[in-house]
Amino acid sequence: MPPSTVIPVLGYEDVGEAIGWLRRTFGFAERWRAGSHRAQLAVGDGAVALTETVGAAQTAEVMVRIDDVDAHYARARRLGAEILREPADYPYGERQYTARDPGGHHWTFSETIADVAPEEWGGSSGSFA
């Protein structure tokens, strides 16, 4: 298992097709595959699991931290990703863009550009217990 604490599980009608698209378009790496119905892809120090949908698929939104949003965006756009939100800088210190994959899932790719306290952009800091 990867060192990440949370691993999203996303459903696709065709897991093999989804693996190819996610690897080619977003640069993910295949960790393992179980037949044609389940797989796990590596992304940074985390992972995403893919599973075959049974019945109506539910879509999800996943955020992935990366080092270079603009280069990632250029690659995804060049390879035909449907861009929902162009790269932009946000007051909370992130540069992000969002794309939709063929399964309908939304992927926001985020690069930290500044260390900004939540209070500086209208948020509030939480307490860790």
C-alpha atoms as a PDB file:
ATOM      1  CA  MET A   1       0.000   0.000   0.000  1.00  0.00           C
ATOM      2  CA  PRO A   2       1.160   3.560  -0.597  1.00  0.00           C
ATOM      3  CA  PRO A   3       2.013   5.732   2.416  1.00  0.00           C
ATOM      4  CA  SER A   4      -1.072   7.946   1.933  1.00  0.00           C
ATOM      5  CA  THR A   5      -3.767   7.745   4.596  1.00  0.00           C
ATOM      6  CA  VAL A   6      -6.726   8.158   2.221  1.00  0.00           C
ATOM      7  CA  ILE A   7      -7.104   6.389  -1.136  1.00  0.00           C
ATOM      8  CA  PRO A   8     -10.118   7.416  -3.228  1.00  0.00           C
ATOM      9  CA  VAL A   9     -11.968   4.643  -5.068  1.00  0.00           C
ATOM     10  CA  LEU A  10     -13.508   5.704  -8.383  1.00  0.00           C
ATOM     11  CA  GLY A  11     -15.874   3.691 -10.541  1.00  0.00           C
ATOM     12  CA  TYR A  12     -15.505   3.316 -14.319  1.00  0.00           C
ATOM     13  CA  GLU A  13     -17.423   1.287 -16.895  1.00  0.00           C
ATOM     14  CA  ASP A  14     -14.120   0.145 -18.440  1.00  0.00           C
ATOM     15  CA  VAL A  15     -11.263   0.002 -15.925  1.00  0.00           C
ATOM     16  CA  GLY A  16      -8.653  -0.819 -18.590  1.00  0.00           C
ATOM     17  CA  GLU A  17      -9.659   2.162 -20.685  1.00  0.00           C
ATOM     18  CA  ALA A  18      -9.602   4.403 -17.601  1.00  0.00           C
ATOM     19  CA  ILE A  19      -6.106   3.191 -16.667  1.00  0.00           C
ATOM     20  CA  GLY A  20      -4.800   4.058 -20.124  1.00  0.00           C
ATOM     21  CA  TRP A  21      -6.438   7.484 -20.152  1.00  0.00           C
ATOM     22  CA  LEU A  22      -5.296   8.443 -16.637  1.00  0.00           C
ATOM     23  CA  ARG A  23      -1.729   7.268 -17.300  1.00  0.00           C
ATOM     24  CA  ARG A  24      -1.467   8.998 -20.659  1.00  0.00           C
ATOM     25  CA  THR A  25      -3.307  12.221 -19.841  1.00  0.00           C
ATOM     26  CA  PHE A  26      -2.466  12.869 -16.181  1.00  0.00           C
ATOM     27  CA  GLY A  27       0.813  10.930 -15.929  1.00  0.00           C
ATOM     28  CA  PHE A  28      -0.308   8.432 -13.283  1.00  0.00           C
ATOM     29  CA  ALA A  29       1.558   5.124 -12.916  1.00  0.00           C
ATOM     30  CA  GLU A  30      -0.083   1.710 -12.654  1.00  0.00           C
ATOM     31  CA  ARG A  31       0.725   0.014  -9.320  1.00  0.00           C
ATOM     32  CA  TRP A  32      -1.303  -3.168  -9.849  1.00  0.00           C
ATOM     33  CA  ARG A  33      -4.316  -4.607 -11.628  1.00  0.00           C
ATOM     34  CA  ALA A  34      -6.778  -7.353 -10.644  1.00  0.00           C
ATOM     35  CA  GLY A  35      -8.227  -8.773 -13.836  1.00  0.00           C
ATOM     36  CA  SER A  36     -10.296  -6.229 -15.740  1.00  0.00           C
ATOM     37  CA  HIS A  37     -12.339  -5.025 -12.765  1.00  0.00           C
ATOM     38  CA  ARG A  38      -9.950  -3.320 -10.309  1.00  0.00           C
ATOM     39  CA  ALA A  39      -6.630  -1.471 -10.273  1.00  0.00           C
ATOM     40  CA  GLN A  40      -4.567   0.971  -8.264  1.00  0.00           C
ATOM     41  CA  LEU A  41      -2.662   3.877  -9.792  1.00  0.00           C
ATOM     42  CA  ALA A  42       0.157   5.808  -8.119  1.00  0.00           C
ATOM     43  CA  VAL A  43       0.144   9.586  -8.072  1.00  0.00           C
ATOM     44  CA  GLY A  44       2.953  11.218  -6.110  1.00  0.00           C
ATOM     45  CA  ASP A  45       3.143   9.488  -2.723  1.00  0.00           C
ATOM     46  CA  GLY A  46      -0.538   8.576  -2.892  1.00  0.00           C
ATOM     47  CA  ALA A  47      -2.831   6.438  -4.985  1.00  0.00           C
ATOM     48  CA  VAL A  48      -6.270   6.141  -6.480  1.00  0.00           C
ATOM     49  CA  ALA A  49      -8.145   2.854  -6.828  1.00  0.00           C
ATOM     50  CA  LEU A  50     -10.271   2.139  -9.890  1.00  0.00           C
ATOM     51  CA  THR A  51     -13.140  -0.290  -9.813  1.00  0.00           C
ATOM     52  CA  GLU A  52     -15.678  -1.502 -12.328  1.00  0.00           C
ATOM     53  CA  THR A  53     -19.056   0.156 -11.852  1.00  0.00           C
ATOM     54  CA  VAL A  54     -22.091  -1.928 -11.108  1.00  0.00           C
ATOM     55  CA  GLY A  55     -25.255  -0.090 -12.019  1.00  0.00           C
ATOM     56  CA  ALA A  56     -25.268   3.692 -12.145  1.00  0.00           C
ATOM     57  CA  ALA A  57     -21.830   5.200 -11.501  1.00  0.00           C
ATOM     58  CA  GLN A  58     -21.398   7.948  -8.930  1.00  0.00           C
ATOM     59  CA  THR A  59     -18.937  10.632  -9.866  1.00  0.00           C
ATOM     60  CA  ALA A  60     -16.371  12.060  -7.485  1.00  0.00           C
ATOM     61  CA  GLU A  61     -14.054  15.036  -7.188  1.00  0.00           C
ATOM     62  CA  VAL A  62     -10.415  14.401  -6.338  1.00  0.00           C
ATOM     63  CA  MET A  63      -7.685  16.941  -5.583  1.00  0.00           C
ATOM     64  CA  VAL A  64      -4.081  16.045  -6.399  1.00  0.00           C
ATOM     65  CA  ARG A  65      -1.070  18.057  -5.259  1.00  0.00           C
ATOM     66  CA  ILE A  66       1.567  18.477  -7.967  1.00  0.00           C
ATOM     67  CA  ASP A  67       4.732  20.514  -8.513  1.00  0.00           C
ATOM     68  CA  ASP A  68       3.930  22.307 -11.796  1.00  0.00           C
ATOM     69  CA  VAL A  69       0.284  23.056 -12.574  1.00  0.00           C
ATOM     70  CA  ASP A  70       1.024  24.816 -15.854  1.00  0.00           C
ATOM     71  CA  ALA A  71       3.050  21.935 -17.325  1.00  0.00           C
ATOM     72  CA  HIS A  72       0.485  19.379 -16.117  1.00  0.00           C
ATOM     73  CA  TYR A  73      -2.360  21.446 -17.567  1.00  0.00           C
ATOM     74  CA  ALA A  74      -0.573  21.783 -20.932  1.00  0.00           C
ATOM     75  CA  ARG A  75      -0.111  18.001 -21.117  1.00  0.00           C
ATOM     76  CA  ALA A  76      -3.717  17.227 -20.143  1.00  0.00           C
ATOM     77  CA  ARG A  77      -5.118  19.778 -22.592  1.00  0.00           C
ATOM     78  CA  ARG A  78      -2.855  18.550 -25.414  1.00  0.00           C
ATOM     79  CA  LEU A  79      -4.071  14.985 -24.806  1.00  0.00           C
ATOM     80  CA  GLY A  80      -7.728  15.973 -24.956  1.00  0.00           C
ATOM     81  CA  ALA A  81      -8.779  16.336 -21.320  1.00  0.00           C
ATOM     82  CA  GLU A  82     -11.993  18.285 -20.880  1.00  0.00           C
ATOM     83  CA  ILE A  83     -10.882  21.369 -18.945  1.00  0.00           C
ATOM     84  CA  LEU A  84     -13.545  22.643 -16.545  1.00  0.00           C
ATOM     85  CA  ARG A  85     -11.477  25.407 -14.946  1.00  0.00           C
ATOM     86  CA  GLU A  86      -8.316  26.953 -16.429  1.00  0.00           C
ATOM     87  CA  PRO A  87      -5.203  27.389 -14.227  1.00  0.00           C
ATOM     88  CA  ALA A  88      -5.636  30.259 -11.784  1.00  0.00           C
ATOM     89  CA  ASP A  89      -4.038  31.574  -8.594  1.00  0.00           C
ATOM     90  CA  TYR A  90      -6.159  31.599  -5.444  1.00  0.00           C
ATOM     91  CA  PRO A  91      -5.802  33.746  -2.296  1.00  0.00           C
ATOM     92  CA  TYR A  92      -5.246  30.647  -0.151  1.00  0.00           C
ATOM     93  CA  GLY A  93      -1.851  30.143  -1.829  1.00  0.00           C
ATOM     94  CA  GLU A  94      -2.686  27.543  -4.480  1.00  0.00           C
ATOM     95  CA  ARG A  95      -2.573  27.560  -8.290  1.00  0.00           C
ATOM     96  CA  GLN A  96      -5.149  25.097  -9.605  1.00  0.00           C
ATOM     97  CA  TYR A  97      -6.986  23.786 -12.645  1.00  0.00           C
ATOM     98  CA  THR A  98      -9.819  21.255 -12.938  1.00  0.00           C
ATOM     99  CA  ALA A  99     -10.517  18.648 -15.628  1.00  0.00           C
ATOM    100  CA  ARG A 100     -13.155  15.961 -16.124  1.00  0.00           C
ATOM    101  CA  ASP A 101     -12.119  12.430 -17.070  1.00  0.00           C
ATOM    102  CA  PRO A 102     -14.096  10.100 -19.374  1.00  0.00           C
ATOM    103  CA  GLY A 103     -15.811   8.562 -16.312  1.00  0.00           C
ATOM    104  CA  GLY A 104     -17.195  11.975 -15.338  1.00  0.00           C
ATOM    105  CA  HIS A 105     -14.902  12.427 -12.316  1.00  0.00           C
ATOM    106  CA  HIS A 106     -13.521  15.894 -11.642  1.00  0.00           C
ATOM    107  CA  TRP A 107      -9.782  16.220 -10.965  1.00  0.00           C
ATOM    108  CA  THR A 108      -8.378  19.410  -9.455  1.00  0.00           C
ATOM    109  CA  PHE A 109      -4.607  19.653  -9.705  1.00  0.00           C
ATOM    110  CA  SER A 110      -3.089  22.019  -7.167  1.00  0.00           C
ATOM    111  CA  GLU A 111       0.361  23.581  -6.767  1.00  0.00           C
ATOM    112  CA  THR A 112       1.274  25.504  -3.607  1.00  0.00           C
ATOM    113  CA  ILE A 113       2.568  28.957  -4.554  1.00  0.00           C
ATOM    114  CA  ALA A 114       2.480  30.659  -1.132  1.00  0.00           C
ATOM    115  CA  ASP A 115       2.135  29.681   2.525  1.00  0.00           C
ATOM    116  CA  VAL A 116      -0.943  31.670   3.559  1.00  0.00           C
ATOM    117  CA  ALA A 117      -2.675  31.454   6.936  1.00  0.00           C
ATOM    118  CA  PRO A 118      -6.419  30.761   6.591  1.00  0.00           C
ATOM    119  CA  GLU A 119      -7.206  33.978   8.465  1.00  0.00           C
ATOM    120  CA  GLU A 120      -5.532  35.960   5.641  1.00  0.00           C
ATOM    121  CA  TRP A 121      -8.077  34.737   3.054  1.00  0.00           C
ATOM    122  CA  GLY A 122     -11.205  34.666   5.216  1.00  0.00           C
ATOM    123  CA  GLY A 123     -10.868  31.173   6.660  1.00  0.00           C
ATOM    124  CA  SER A 124     -10.053  30.032  10.169  1.00  0.00           C
ATOM    125  CA  SER A 125      -7.408  27.700  11.491  1.00  0.00           C
ATOM    126  CA  GLY A 126      -8.553  24.412  12.965  1.00  0.00           C
ATOM    127  CA  SER A 127      -7.154  22.712  16.015  1.00  0.00           C
ATOM    128  CA  PHE A 128      -5.520  19.317  15.825  1.00  0.00           C
ATOM    129  CA  ALA A 129      -6.436  16.998  18.679  1.00  0.00           C
END
